[in-house]
C-alpha atoms as a PDB file:
ATOM      1  CA  UNK A   1      -0.039  -0.003   0.012  1.00  0.00           C
ATOM      2  CA  UNK A   2       2.845   2.322   0.942  1.00  0.00           C
ATOM      3  CA  UNK A   3       4.574   1.488  -2.342  1.00  0.00           C
ATOM      4  CA  UNK A   4       1.399   2.302  -4.305  1.00  0.00           C
ATOM      5  CA  UNK A   5       1.052   5.635  -2.501  1.00  0.00           C
ATOM      6  CA  UNK A   6       4.726   6.525  -3.155  1.00  0.00           C
ATOM      7  CA  UNK A   7       4.402   5.735  -6.906  1.00  0.00           C
ATOM      8  CA  UNK A   8       1.227   7.787  -7.134  1.00  0.00           C
ATOM      9  CA  UNK A   9       2.951  10.792  -5.623  1.00  0.00           C
ATOM     10  CA  UNK A  10       5.876  10.313  -8.004  1.00  0.00           C
ATOM     11  CA  UNK A  11       3.438  10.341 -10.959  1.00  0.00           C
ATOM     12  CA  UNK A  12       1.788  13.471  -9.679  1.00  0.00           C
ATOM     13  CA  UNK A  13       5.205  15.145  -9.355  1.00  0.00           C
ATOM     14  CA  UNK A  14       6.100  14.234 -12.921  1.00  0.00           C
ATOM     15  CA  UNK A  15       2.707  15.501 -14.196  1.00  0.00           C
ATOM     16  CA  UNK A  16       3.215  18.790 -12.300  1.00  0.00           C
ATOM     17  CA  UNK A  17       6.739  19.193 -13.674  1.00  0.00           C
ATOM     18  CA  UNK A  18       5.537  18.483 -17.255  1.00  0.00           C
ATOM     19  CA  UNK A  19       2.717  20.952 -16.825  1.00  0.00           C
ATOM     20  CA  UNK A  20       5.151  23.565 -15.732  1.00  0.00           C
ATOM     21  CA  UNK A  21       7.424  22.877 -18.690  1.00  0.00           C
ATOM     22  CA  UNK A  22       4.484  23.028 -21.098  1.00  0.00           C
ATOM     23  CA  UNK A  23       3.524  26.412 -19.660  1.00  0.00           C
ATOM     24  CA  UNK A  24       7.051  27.703 -20.176  1.00  0.00           C
ATOM     25  CA  UNK A  25       7.083  26.436 -23.800  1.00  0.00           C
ATOM     26  CA  UNK A  26       3.789  28.104 -24.633  1.00  0.00           C
ATOM     27  CA  UNK A  27       5.310  31.428 -23.521  1.00  0.00           C
ATOM     28  CA  UNK A  28       8.768  31.015 -24.955  1.00  0.00           C
ATOM     29  CA  UNK A  29       8.532  28.804 -28.018  1.00  0.00           C
ATOM     30  CA  UNK A  30       5.133  30.007 -29.261  1.00  0.00           C
ATOM     31  CA  UNK A  31       5.092  30.534 -33.009  1.00  0.00           C
ATOM     32  CA  UNK A  32       1.504  31.649 -33.181  1.00  0.00           C
ATOM     33  CA  UNK A  33       0.171  34.916 -31.908  1.00  0.00           C
ATOM     34  CA  UNK A  34      -3.420  36.164 -32.055  1.00  0.00           C
ATOM     35  CA  UNK A  35      -3.863  39.925 -32.478  1.00  0.00           C
ATOM     36  CA  UNK A  36      -7.194  41.264 -31.249  1.00  0.00           C
ATOM     37  CA  UNK A  37      -7.400  43.999 -33.839  1.00  0.00           C
ATOM     38  CA  UNK A  38      -7.835  41.473 -36.583  1.00  0.00           C
ATOM     39  CA  UNK A  39      -8.322  38.070 -34.894  1.00  0.00           C
ATOM     40  CA  UNK A  40      -5.784  36.617 -37.360  1.00  0.00           C
ATOM     41  CA  UNK A  41      -3.017  34.349 -36.114  1.00  0.00           C
ATOM     42  CA  UNK A  42       0.579  35.096 -37.027  1.00  0.00           C
ATOM     43  CA  UNK A  43       3.880  33.322 -36.909  1.00  0.00           C
ATOM     44  CA  UNK A  44       6.087  34.951 -34.304  1.00  0.00           C
ATOM     45  CA  UNK A  45       9.782  33.956 -33.923  1.00  0.00           C
ATOM     46  CA  UNK A  46      10.793  32.755 -30.393  1.00  0.00           C
ATOM     47  CA  UNK A  47      12.471  35.344 -28.292  1.00  0.00           C
ATOM     48  CA  UNK A  48      16.140  34.925 -27.366  1.00  0.00           C
ATOM     49  CA  UNK A  49      15.045  36.030 -23.847  1.00  0.00           C
ATOM     50  CA  UNK A  50      13.703  32.484 -23.412  1.00  0.00           C
ATOM     51  CA  UNK A  51      15.230  30.358 -26.181  1.00  0.00           C
ATOM     52  CA  UNK A  52      18.954  30.220 -26.894  1.00  0.00           C
ATOM     53  CA  UNK A  53      19.822  31.529 -30.333  1.00  0.00           C
ATOM     54  CA  UNK A  54      22.152  28.547 -30.873  1.00  0.00           C
ATOM     55  CA  UNK A  55      19.377  26.041 -30.403  1.00  0.00           C
ATOM     56  CA  UNK A  56      17.083  24.618 -32.954  1.00  0.00           C
ATOM     57  CA  UNK A  57      17.194  24.043 -36.742  1.00  0.00           C
ATOM     58  CA  UNK A  58      18.231  27.184 -38.584  1.00  0.00           C
ATOM     59  CA  UNK A  59      15.371  28.899 -40.500  1.00  0.00           C
ATOM     60  CA  UNK A  60      15.280  32.506 -41.460  1.00  0.00           C
ATOM     61  CA  UNK A  61      14.815  34.518 -38.241  1.00  0.00           C
ATOM     62  CA  UNK A  62      13.956  31.206 -36.488  1.00  0.00           C
ATOM     63  CA  UNK A  63      10.477  31.345 -38.156  1.00  0.00           C
ATOM     64  CA  UNK A  64       8.519  28.178 -38.682  1.00  0.00           C
ATOM     65  CA  UNK A  65       9.365  26.190 -41.783  1.00  0.00           C
ATOM     66  CA  UNK A  66       6.463  25.577 -44.222  1.00  0.00           C
ATOM     67  CA  UNK A  67       6.664  23.509 -47.351  1.00  0.00           C
ATOM     68  CA  UNK A  68       4.528  25.891 -49.565  1.00  0.00           C
ATOM     69  CA  UNK A  69       3.589  29.560 -49.539  1.00  0.00           C
ATOM     70  CA  UNK A  70      -0.126  28.679 -49.022  1.00  0.00           C
ATOM     71  CA  UNK A  71      -1.672  30.999 -46.408  1.00  0.00           C
ATOM     72  CA  UNK A  72       1.317  33.289 -46.211  1.00  0.00           C
ATOM     73  CA  UNK A  73       1.536  36.999 -46.827  1.00  0.00           C
ATOM     74  CA  UNK A  74       5.352  36.878 -47.206  1.00  0.00           C
ATOM     75  CA  UNK A  75       7.861  34.075 -47.368  1.00  0.00           C
ATOM     76  CA  UNK A  76      11.626  33.782 -47.157  1.00  0.00           C
ATOM     77  CA  UNK A  77      12.942  31.440 -49.827  1.00  0.00           C
ATOM     78  CA  UNK A  78      16.458  30.400 -50.763  1.00  0.00           C
ATOM     79  CA  UNK A  79      17.887  29.938 -54.229  1.00  0.00           C
ATOM     80  CA  UNK A  80      21.283  28.341 -53.631  1.00  0.00           C
ATOM     81  CA  UNK A  81      23.185  28.727 -56.922  1.00  0.00           C
ATOM     82  CA  UNK A  82      26.517  30.148 -58.078  1.00  0.00           C
ATOM     83  CA  UNK A  83      26.666  28.540 -61.483  1.00  0.00           C
ATOM     84  CA  UNK A  84      26.140  31.935 -63.073  1.00  0.00           C
ATOM     85  CA  UNK A  85      29.103  33.505 -61.261  1.00  0.00           C
ATOM     86  CA  UNK A  86      31.977  34.972 -63.259  1.00  0.00           C
ATOM     87  CA  UNK A  87      34.535  35.289 -60.482  1.00  0.00           C
ATOM     88  CA  UNK A  88      34.508  33.862 -56.923  1.00  0.00           C
ATOM     89  CA  UNK A  89      32.078  31.022 -56.402  1.00  0.00           C
ATOM     90  CA  UNK A  90      30.376  30.229 -53.096  1.00  0.00           C
ATOM     91  CA  UNK A  91      27.056  32.069 -53.301  1.00  0.00           C
ATOM     92  CA  UNK A  92      25.272  28.672 -53.361  1.00  0.00           C
ATOM     93  CA  UNK A  93      25.972  28.633 -49.606  1.00  0.00           C
ATOM     94  CA  UNK A  94      24.500  32.146 -49.102  1.00  0.00           C
ATOM     95  CA  UNK A  95      20.956  31.077 -48.120  1.00  0.00           C
ATOM     96  CA  UNK A  96      22.284  28.593 -45.515  1.00  0.00           C
ATOM     97  CA  UNK A  97      24.613  31.068 -43.854  1.00  0.00           C
ATOM     98  CA  UNK A  98      22.099  33.899 -43.919  1.00  0.00           C
ATOM     99  CA  UNK A  99      19.693  31.636 -42.078  1.00  0.00           C
ATOM    100  CA  UNK A 100      22.310  30.818 -39.416  1.00  0.00           C
ATOM    101  CA  UNK A 101      23.211  34.452 -38.805  1.00  0.00           C
ATOM    102  CA  UNK A 102      19.592  35.517 -38.846  1.00  0.00           C
ATOM    103  CA  UNK A 103      19.234  34.005 -35.353  1.00  0.00           C
ATOM    104  CA  UNK A 104      20.391  37.463 -34.126  1.00  0.00           C
ATOM    105  CA  UNK A 105      17.226  39.051 -35.456  1.00  0.00           C
ATOM    106  CA  UNK A 106      14.461  40.122 -33.152  1.00  0.00           C
ATOM    107  CA  UNK A 107      10.777  40.701 -33.819  1.00  0.00           C
ATOM    108  CA  UNK A 108      10.569  44.524 -33.927  1.00  0.00           C
ATOM    109  CA  UNK A 109      12.479  47.124 -35.865  1.00  0.00           C
ATOM    110  CA  UNK A 110      13.739  49.567 -33.234  1.00  0.00           C
ATOM    111  CA  UNK A 111      14.615  52.177 -35.761  1.00  0.00           C
ATOM    112  CA  UNK A 112      11.294  52.369 -37.593  1.00  0.00           C
ATOM    113  CA  UNK A 113       9.009  50.758 -34.953  1.00  0.00           C
ATOM    114  CA  UNK A 114       7.811  48.278 -37.641  1.00  0.00           C
ATOM    115  CA  UNK A 115       6.088  45.183 -36.310  1.00  0.00           C
ATOM    116  CA  UNK A 116       6.031  42.809 -39.325  1.00  0.00           C
ATOM    117  CA  UNK A 117       4.984  39.735 -37.258  1.00  0.00           C
ATOM    118  CA  UNK A 118       1.898  41.625 -35.926  1.00  0.00           C
ATOM    119  CA  UNK A 119       0.747  42.291 -39.462  1.00  0.00           C
ATOM    120  CA  UNK A 120       1.823  39.577 -41.877  1.00  0.00           C
ATOM    121  CA  UNK A 121       1.847  35.797 -41.857  1.00  0.00           C
ATOM    122  CA  UNK A 122       5.467  34.942 -42.607  1.00  0.00           C
ATOM    123  CA  UNK A 123       7.429  31.699 -42.794  1.00  0.00           C
ATOM    124  CA  UNK A 124      10.547  30.197 -44.249  1.00  0.00           C
ATOM    125  CA  UNK A 125       9.543  27.895 -47.178  1.00  0.00           C
ATOM    126  CA  UNK A 126      13.008  26.460 -47.799  1.00  0.00           C
ATOM    127  CA  UNK A 127      14.966  26.436 -51.062  1.00  0.00           C
ATOM    128  CA  UNK A 128      14.195  26.032 -54.692  1.00  0.00           C
ATOM    129  CA  UNK A 129      15.446  22.628 -55.843  1.00  0.00           C
ATOM    130  CA  UNK A 130      18.091  23.885 -58.257  1.00  0.00           C
ATOM    131  CA  UNK A 131      20.152  21.979 -60.747  1.00  0.00           C
ATOM    132  CA  UNK A 132      23.781  22.779 -59.972  1.00  0.00           C
ATOM    133  CA  UNK A 133      24.931  21.172 -63.249  1.00  0.00           C
ATOM    134  CA  UNK A 134      22.630  23.160 -65.656  1.00  0.00           C
ATOM    135  CA  UNK A 135      22.065  26.887 -65.288  1.00  0.00           C
ATOM    136  CA  UNK A 136      19.310  27.036 -67.872  1.00  0.00           C
ATOM    137  CA  UNK A 137      17.407  24.196 -66.196  1.00  0.00           C
ATOM    138  CA  UNK A 138      17.846  25.993 -62.851  1.00  0.00           C
ATOM    139  CA  UNK A 139      16.277  29.116 -64.344  1.00  0.00           C
ATOM    140  CA  UNK A 140      13.328  27.053 -65.466  1.00  0.00           C
ATOM    141  CA  UNK A 141      12.978  25.503 -61.946  1.00  0.00           C
ATOM    142  CA  UNK A 142      13.144  28.965 -60.341  1.00  0.00           C
ATOM    143  CA  UNK A 143      10.504  30.378 -62.705  1.00  0.00           C
ATOM    144  CA  UNK A 144       8.159  27.464 -62.033  1.00  0.00           C
ATOM    145  CA  UNK A 145       8.721  27.686 -58.269  1.00  0.00           C
ATOM    146  CA  UNK A 146       7.943  31.411 -58.192  1.00  0.00           C
ATOM    147  CA  UNK A 147       4.806  30.966 -60.265  1.00  0.00           C
ATOM    148  CA  UNK A 148       3.526  28.695 -57.489  1.00  0.00           C
ATOM    149  CA  UNK A 149       4.517  31.090 -54.747  1.00  0.00           C
ATOM    150  CA  UNK A 150       2.951  34.101 -56.421  1.00  0.00           C
ATOM    151  CA  UNK A 151      -0.242  32.193 -57.237  1.00  0.00           C
ATOM    152  CA  UNK A 152      -0.957  32.053 -53.502  1.00  0.00           C
ATOM    153  CA  UNK A 153      -0.729  35.900 -53.139  1.00  0.00           C
ATOM    154  CA  UNK A 154       2.493  35.595 -51.164  1.00  0.00           C
ATOM    155  CA  UNK A 155       5.354  38.152 -51.549  1.00  0.00           C
ATOM    156  CA  UNK A 156       8.690  36.332 -51.898  1.00  0.00           C
ATOM    157  CA  UNK A 157      11.767  37.568 -50.013  1.00  0.00           C
ATOM    158  CA  UNK A 158      14.622  35.750 -51.727  1.00  0.00           C
ATOM    159  CA  UNK A 159      18.046  34.719 -50.370  1.00  0.00           C
ATOM    160  CA  UNK A 160      20.575  34.190 -53.160  1.00  0.00           C
ATOM    161  CA  UNK A 161      22.427  32.709 -54.776  1.00  0.00           C
ATOM    162  CA  UNK A 162      24.077  34.740 -57.531  1.00  0.00           C
ATOM    163  CA  UNK A 163      22.253  37.520 -59.358  1.00  0.00           C
ATOM    164  CA  UNK A 164      21.244  35.294 -62.262  1.00  0.00           C
ATOM    165  CA  UNK A 165      18.210  34.397 -60.200  1.00  0.00           C
ATOM    166  CA  UNK A 166      16.642  37.812 -60.670  1.00  0.00           C
ATOM    167  CA  UNK A 167      15.895  36.955 -64.275  1.00  0.00           C
ATOM    168  CA  UNK A 168      13.567  33.940 -63.813  1.00  0.00           C
ATOM    169  CA  UNK A 169      12.033  35.430 -60.677  1.00  0.00           C
ATOM    170  CA  UNK A 170      11.079  38.606 -62.654  1.00  0.00           C
ATOM    171  CA  UNK A 171       9.731  36.373 -65.429  1.00  0.00           C
ATOM    172  CA  UNK A 172       7.252  34.921 -62.942  1.00  0.00           C
ATOM    173  CA  UNK A 173       6.533  38.248 -61.359  1.00  0.00           C
ATOM    174  CA  UNK A 174       5.790  39.996 -64.695  1.00  0.00           C
ATOM    175  CA  UNK A 175       3.410  37.138 -65.615  1.00  0.00           C
ATOM    176  CA  UNK A 176       1.364  38.070 -62.565  1.00  0.00           C
ATOM    177  CA  UNK A 177       1.780  41.821 -62.327  1.00  0.00           C
ATOM    178  CA  UNK A 178       2.887  42.984 -65.817  1.00  0.00           C
ATOM    179  CA  UNK A 179       6.050  45.114 -66.281  1.00  0.00           C
ATOM    180  CA  UNK A 180       7.335  46.260 -62.916  1.00  0.00           C
ATOM    181  CA  UNK A 181       9.476  49.034 -61.573  1.00  0.00           C
ATOM    182  CA  UNK A 182      12.852  48.041 -60.242  1.00  0.00           C
ATOM    183  CA  UNK A 183      15.023  49.349 -57.394  1.00  0.00           C
ATOM    184  CA  UNK A 184      18.366  47.693 -58.168  1.00  0.00           C
ATOM    185  CA  UNK A 185      21.155  48.201 -55.589  1.00  0.00           C
ATOM    186  CA  UNK A 186      24.460  46.921 -56.881  1.00  0.00           C
ATOM    187  CA  UNK A 187      28.114  47.630 -57.756  1.00  0.00           C
ATOM    188  CA  UNK A 188      27.357  46.429 -61.297  1.00  0.00           C
ATOM    189  CA  UNK A 189      24.627  47.198 -63.825  1.00  0.00           C
ATOM    190  CA  UNK A 190      24.201  43.494 -64.766  1.00  0.00           C
ATOM    191  CA  UNK A 191      23.122  44.504 -68.246  1.00  0.00           C
ATOM    192  CA  UNK A 192      25.772  42.763 -70.349  1.00  0.00           C
ATOM    193  CA  UNK A 193      24.581  41.063 -73.490  1.00  0.00           C
ATOM    194  CA  UNK A 194      26.899  38.032 -73.897  1.00  0.00           C
ATOM    195  CA  UNK A 195      29.648  36.949 -71.540  1.00  0.00           C
ATOM    196  CA  UNK A 196      31.966  34.195 -72.700  1.00  0.00           C
ATOM    197  CA  UNK A 197      29.389  33.263 -75.356  1.00  0.00           C
ATOM    198  CA  UNK A 198      26.556  32.927 -72.838  1.00  0.00           C
ATOM    199  CA  UNK A 199      23.444  35.099 -72.558  1.00  0.00           C
ATOM    200  CA  UNK A 200      22.429  33.899 -69.073  1.00  0.00           C
ATOM    201  CA  UNK A 201      24.641  34.651 -66.102  1.00  0.00           C
ATOM    202  CA  UNK A 202      24.893  36.964 -63.179  1.00  0.00           C
ATOM    203  CA  UNK A 203      26.098  39.850 -65.344  1.00  0.00           C
ATOM    204  CA  UNK A 204      23.161  39.684 -67.813  1.00  0.00           C
ATOM    205  CA  UNK A 205      19.830  39.406 -65.953  1.00  0.00           C
ATOM    206  CA  UNK A 206      18.489  42.898 -66.474  1.00  0.00           C
ATOM    207  CA  UNK A 207      19.401  42.963 -70.206  1.00  0.00           C
ATOM    208  CA  UNK A 208      17.223  39.799 -70.597  1.00  0.00           C
ATOM    209  CA  UNK A 209      14.471  41.400 -68.556  1.00  0.00           C
ATOM    210  CA  UNK A 210      14.364  44.448 -70.782  1.00  0.00           C
ATOM    211  CA  UNK A 211      14.333  42.367 -73.971  1.00  0.00           C
ATOM    212  CA  UNK A 212      11.370  40.380 -72.677  1.00  0.00           C
ATOM    213  CA  UNK A 213       9.433  43.461 -71.513  1.00  0.00           C
ATOM    214  CA  UNK A 214       9.527  42.495 -67.855  1.00  0.00           C
ATOM    215  CA  UNK A 215      10.491  45.938 -66.609  1.00  0.00           C
ATOM    216  CA  UNK A 216       8.779  49.306 -66.852  1.00  0.00           C
ATOM    217  CA  UNK A 217      11.979  51.018 -67.915  1.00  0.00           C
ATOM    218  CA  UNK A 218      10.947  54.532 -66.877  1.00  0.00           C
ATOM    219  CA  UNK A 219      10.544  53.139 -63.352  1.00  0.00           C
ATOM    220  CA  UNK A 220      13.975  51.588 -62.959  1.00  0.00           C
ATOM    221  CA  UNK A 221      16.761  53.019 -60.756  1.00  0.00           C
ATOM    222  CA  UNK A 222      20.241  51.512 -60.278  1.00  0.00           C
ATOM    223  CA  UNK A 223      22.120  52.667 -57.194  1.00  0.00           C
ATOM    224  CA  UNK A 224      25.713  52.195 -56.189  1.00  0.00           C
ATOM    225  CA  UNK A 225      27.266  51.358 -59.582  1.00  0.00           C
ATOM    226  CA  UNK A 226      31.025  51.695 -59.694  1.00  0.00           C
ATOM    227  CA  UNK A 227      34.332  50.117 -60.614  1.00  0.00           C
ATOM    228  CA  UNK A 228      36.326  49.709 -63.813  1.00  0.00           C
ATOM    229  CA  UNK A 229      34.535  49.039 -67.062  1.00  0.00           C
ATOM    230  CA  UNK A 230      34.808  47.581 -70.524  1.00  0.00           C
ATOM    231  CA  UNK A 231      34.161  51.048 -72.061  1.00  0.00           C
ATOM    232  CA  UNK A 232      34.393  54.678 -71.042  1.00  0.00           C
ATOM    233  CA  UNK A 233      30.713  54.760 -70.162  1.00  0.00           C
ATOM    234  CA  UNK A 234      29.720  51.398 -68.716  1.00  0.00           C
ATOM    235  CA  UNK A 235      26.187  52.601 -68.077  1.00  0.00           C
ATOM    236  CA  UNK A 236      25.316  54.045 -71.441  1.00  0.00           C
ATOM    237  CA  UNK A 237      22.992  51.167 -72.282  1.00  0.00           C
ATOM    238  CA  UNK A 238      21.074  51.547 -68.984  1.00  0.00           C
ATOM    239  CA  UNK A 239      20.470  55.255 -69.551  1.00  0.00           C
ATOM    240  CA  UNK A 240      19.420  54.554 -73.101  1.00  0.00           C
ATOM    241  CA  UNK A 241      16.610  52.353 -71.838  1.00  0.00           C
ATOM    242  CA  UNK A 242      15.378  55.126 -69.570  1.00  0.00           C
ATOM    243  CA  UNK A 243      16.947  53.839 -66.334  1.00  0.00           C
ATOM    244  CA  UNK A 244      18.029  56.293 -63.652  1.00  0.00           C
ATOM    245  CA  UNK A 245      21.653  55.515 -62.891  1.00  0.00           C
ATOM    246  CA  UNK A 246      23.082  56.615 -59.570  1.00  0.00           C
ATOM    247  CA  UNK A 247      26.787  55.935 -59.497  1.00  0.00           C
ATOM    248  CA  UNK A 248      28.549  55.310 -56.168  1.00  0.00           C
ATOM    249  CA  UNK A 249      30.388  58.597 -56.477  1.00  0.00           C
ATOM    250  CA  UNK A 250      27.052  60.436 -56.207  1.00  0.00           C
ATOM    251  CA  UNK A 251      26.436  58.647 -52.896  1.00  0.00           C
ATOM    252  CA  UNK A 252      29.746  59.314 -51.092  1.00  0.00           C
ATOM    253  CA  UNK A 253      29.575  61.152 -47.751  1.00  0.00           C
ATOM    254  CA  UNK A 254      25.791  61.732 -47.829  1.00  0.00           C
ATOM    255  CA  UNK A 255      22.507  60.464 -46.630  1.00  0.00           C
ATOM    256  CA  UNK A 256      20.420  58.682 -49.323  1.00  0.00           C
ATOM    257  CA  UNK A 257      17.084  59.605 -47.779  1.00  0.00           C
ATOM    258  CA  UNK A 258      16.671  62.523 -50.223  1.00  0.00           C
ATOM    259  CA  UNK A 259      17.453  60.279 -53.171  1.00  0.00           C
ATOM    260  CA  UNK A 260      14.868  57.717 -52.000  1.00  0.00           C
ATOM    261  CA  UNK A 261      12.244  60.439 -51.752  1.00  0.00           C
ATOM    262  CA  UNK A 262      12.838  61.072 -55.502  1.00  0.00           C
ATOM    263  CA  UNK A 263      12.798  57.344 -56.243  1.00  0.00           C
ATOM    264  CA  UNK A 264       9.383  56.982 -54.575  1.00  0.00           C
ATOM    265  CA  UNK A 265       8.102  59.697 -56.861  1.00  0.00           C
ATOM    266  CA  UNK A 266       9.589  57.948 -59.895  1.00  0.00           C
ATOM    267  CA  UNK A 267       8.068  54.528 -58.897  1.00  0.00           C
ATOM    268  CA  UNK A 268       4.579  55.852 -58.316  1.00  0.00           C
ATOM    269  CA  UNK A 269       1.827  53.458 -57.291  1.00  0.00           C
ATOM    270  CA  UNK A 270       2.701  50.607 -59.702  1.00  0.00           C
ATOM    271  CA  UNK A 271       4.281  47.234 -58.707  1.00  0.00           C
ATOM    272  CA  UNK A 272       7.961  47.409 -57.743  1.00  0.00           C
ATOM    273  CA  UNK A 273      10.649  44.752 -57.332  1.00  0.00           C
ATOM    274  CA  UNK A 274      13.665  45.381 -55.045  1.00  0.00           C
ATOM    275  CA  UNK A 275      16.904  43.623 -55.928  1.00  0.00           C
ATOM    276  CA  UNK A 276      19.889  44.149 -53.597  1.00  0.00           C
ATOM    277  CA  UNK A 277      23.293  42.762 -54.427  1.00  0.00           C
ATOM    278  CA  UNK A 278      25.450  42.657 -51.297  1.00  0.00           C
ATOM    279  CA  UNK A 279      28.446  43.864 -53.361  1.00  0.00           C
ATOM    280  CA  UNK A 280      26.713  47.265 -53.486  1.00  0.00           C
ATOM    281  CA  UNK A 281      28.229  47.670 -50.016  1.00  0.00           C
ATOM    282  CA  UNK A 282      31.926  48.413 -49.778  1.00  0.00           C
ATOM    283  CA  UNK A 283      33.894  45.170 -49.281  1.00  0.00           C
ATOM    284  CA  UNK A 284      35.279  46.589 -46.066  1.00  0.00           C
ATOM    285  CA  UNK A 285      31.791  45.983 -44.720  1.00  0.00           C
ATOM    286  CA  UNK A 286      30.803  42.944 -46.783  1.00  0.00           C
ATOM    287  CA  UNK A 287      33.851  41.068 -48.097  1.00  0.00           C
ATOM    288  CA  UNK A 288      32.055  37.777 -48.562  1.00  0.00           C
ATOM    289  CA  UNK A 289      30.915  38.262 -52.169  1.00  0.00           C
ATOM    290  CA  UNK A 290      31.895  37.150 -55.626  1.00  0.00           C
ATOM    291  CA  UNK A 291      32.801  40.342 -57.422  1.00  0.00           C
ATOM    292  CA  UNK A 292      33.893  42.984 -54.836  1.00  0.00           C
ATOM    293  CA  UNK A 293      34.482  46.602 -55.823  1.00  0.00           C
ATOM    294  CA  UNK A 294      36.102  49.205 -53.600  1.00  0.00           C
ATOM    295  CA  UNK A 295      34.540  52.573 -52.593  1.00  0.00           C
ATOM    296  CA  UNK A 296      30.958  51.252 -52.211  1.00  0.00           C
ATOM    297  CA  UNK A 297      27.977  52.093 -50.086  1.00  0.00           C
ATOM    298  CA  UNK A 298      27.936  51.873 -46.319  1.00  0.00           C
ATOM    299  CA  UNK A 299      25.523  49.607 -44.434  1.00  0.00           C
ATOM    300  CA  UNK A 300      23.806  52.736 -43.244  1.00  0.00           C
ATOM    301  CA  UNK A 301      23.163  53.791 -46.809  1.00  0.00           C
ATOM    302  CA  UNK A 302      21.920  50.313 -47.618  1.00  0.00           C
ATOM    303  CA  UNK A 303      19.391  50.503 -44.827  1.00  0.00           C
ATOM    304  CA  UNK A 304      18.379  54.009 -45.979  1.00  0.00           C
ATOM    305  CA  UNK A 305      17.637  52.676 -49.419  1.00  0.00           C
ATOM    306  CA  UNK A 306      15.476  49.871 -48.124  1.00  0.00           C
ATOM    307  CA  UNK A 307      13.638  52.050 -45.605  1.00  0.00           C
ATOM    308  CA  UNK A 308      13.099  54.549 -48.369  1.00  0.00           C
ATOM    309  CA  UNK A 309      11.055  51.896 -50.198  1.00  0.00           C
ATOM    310  CA  UNK A 310       8.308  52.147 -47.577  1.00  0.00           C
ATOM    311  CA  UNK A 311       5.082  53.040 -49.254  1.00  0.00           C
ATOM    312  CA  UNK A 312       5.973  51.376 -52.549  1.00  0.00           C
ATOM    313  CA  UNK A 313       3.834  48.559 -53.886  1.00  0.00           C
ATOM    314  CA  UNK A 314       6.569  45.939 -53.415  1.00  0.00           C
ATOM    315  CA  UNK A 315       5.744  42.618 -55.031  1.00  0.00           C
ATOM    316  CA  UNK A 316       9.063  40.928 -54.285  1.00  0.00           C
ATOM    317  CA  UNK A 317      12.613  41.443 -52.974  1.00  0.00           C
ATOM    318  CA  UNK A 318      15.927  39.649 -53.118  1.00  0.00           C
ATOM    319  CA  UNK A 319      19.313  39.810 -51.393  1.00  0.00           C
ATOM    320  CA  UNK A 320      21.964  38.104 -53.533  1.00  0.00           C
ATOM    321  CA  UNK A 321      25.673  37.342 -53.962  1.00  0.00           C
ATOM    322  CA  UNK A 322      26.573  36.471 -50.359  1.00  0.00           C
ATOM    323  CA  UNK A 323      29.531  34.157 -50.622  1.00  0.00           C
ATOM    324  CA  UNK A 324      30.403  32.846 -47.165  1.00  0.00           C
ATOM    325  CA  UNK A 325      33.790  31.286 -47.967  1.00  0.00           C
ATOM    326  CA  UNK A 326      35.237  34.784 -48.472  1.00  0.00           C
ATOM    327  CA  UNK A 327      34.196  36.009 -45.030  1.00  0.00           C
ATOM    328  CA  UNK A 328      35.074  33.684 -42.150  1.00  0.00           C
ATOM    329  CA  UNK A 329      33.552  36.152 -39.608  1.00  0.00           C
ATOM    330  CA  UNK A 330      30.015  35.608 -40.952  1.00  0.00           C
ATOM    331  CA  UNK A 331      29.475  39.375 -40.986  1.00  0.00           C
ATOM    332  CA  UNK A 332      28.461  39.495 -44.654  1.00  0.00           C
ATOM    333  CA  UNK A 333      25.739  36.880 -44.079  1.00  0.00           C
ATOM    334  CA  UNK A 334      24.678  38.735 -40.953  1.00  0.00           C
ATOM    335  CA  UNK A 335      24.426  41.970 -42.873  1.00  0.00           C
ATOM    336  CA  UNK A 336      22.427  40.222 -45.525  1.00  0.00           C
ATOM    337  CA  UNK A 337      20.027  38.825 -42.896  1.00  0.00           C
ATOM    338  CA  UNK A 338      19.452  42.254 -41.443  1.00  0.00           C
ATOM    339  CA  UNK A 339      18.810  43.817 -44.864  1.00  0.00           C
ATOM    340  CA  UNK A 340      16.241  41.097 -45.569  1.00  0.00           C
ATOM    341  CA  UNK A 341      14.497  41.901 -42.290  1.00  0.00           C
ATOM    342  CA  UNK A 342      14.463  45.603 -43.295  1.00  0.00           C
ATOM    343  CA  UNK A 343      12.781  44.487 -46.592  1.00  0.00           C
ATOM    344  CA  UNK A 344      10.127  42.567 -44.681  1.00  0.00           C
ATOM    345  CA  UNK A 345       9.485  45.742 -42.593  1.00  0.00           C
ATOM    346  CA  UNK A 346       8.722  47.880 -45.647  1.00  0.00           C
ATOM    347  CA  UNK A 347       6.312  45.451 -47.353  1.00  0.00           C
ATOM    348  CA  UNK A 348       2.702  46.718 -47.872  1.00  0.00           C
ATOM    349  CA  UNK A 349       0.382  46.446 -44.866  1.00  0.00           C
ATOM    350  CA  UNK A 350       3.103  46.182 -42.194  1.00  0.00           C
ATOM    351  CA  UNK A 351       2.033  47.733 -38.942  1.00  0.00           C
ATOM    352  CA  UNK A 352       4.102  50.491 -37.291  1.00  0.00           C
ATOM    353  CA  UNK A 353       3.806  51.392 -33.649  1.00  0.00           C
END
């Protein structure tokens, strides 16, 4: 009898301990949050106040993983390729390392008071299943994957991968939205016609996009362009299409908030795509990239550009060309993760406190 009583008490103690643990987990690991102003449930990353950043399986910002974009307002998606790269490889590892470094991100934007997880349903939907042996087949796979994402009404936030990916992504976006405006932040114009006999690569995507009518050329701005060129005016073709070209020299030693006020006027109310090559930043800040160019933008200016997109009708964003093997500190991937969070914060319908 005494033995039965002792075992019963032990069982009660275990149940009590489990109940306490379950209560803790519902507070700390909760990935759903109900907001009374809408009654809708949102994914909310776990707080590092309660859950160690180094724990768990890496997803973007420690958000839940979901296999499809169904039911999402925005989704982080990786495209791990570097087969379009002309110099340093390694960008195929960009999405993986961005996810790892994104564990540092918190739920609110302290600078702008944006609260994306109070306003949008967001998840990490993994990577496009690319073909690392065939770039043209990879472009086809990307295009088909983004058609499915866009069909759900979800806005894709893409982790590259080299800049080739912008071409098939914009093919899918233009099918849904028609020709779009483009805010292109980069050290390079990426408007070459043929490189080493190939028309598809990370130096050609926006030439292909213009040829196929994917861009509204009067609503295209390229910011941060610099470096040596193959001709005296490397950006003549861009200007001839109607693009606004803002070379890096025009950005030195100044805030880019006034520039972005002009860009918002240029873009108007039509759909806009934001494409940010990490090599737009000076390699002193972001050395882990395939084609670095000195005298680039600062991270502050990069953030100003993205925050300056608030109010635009953004239909997609990407952050490309993070090549982790060239930055053993992880800082380039960390910078990329933060810029992606800034992109999330300027999407339509995000709540600001």
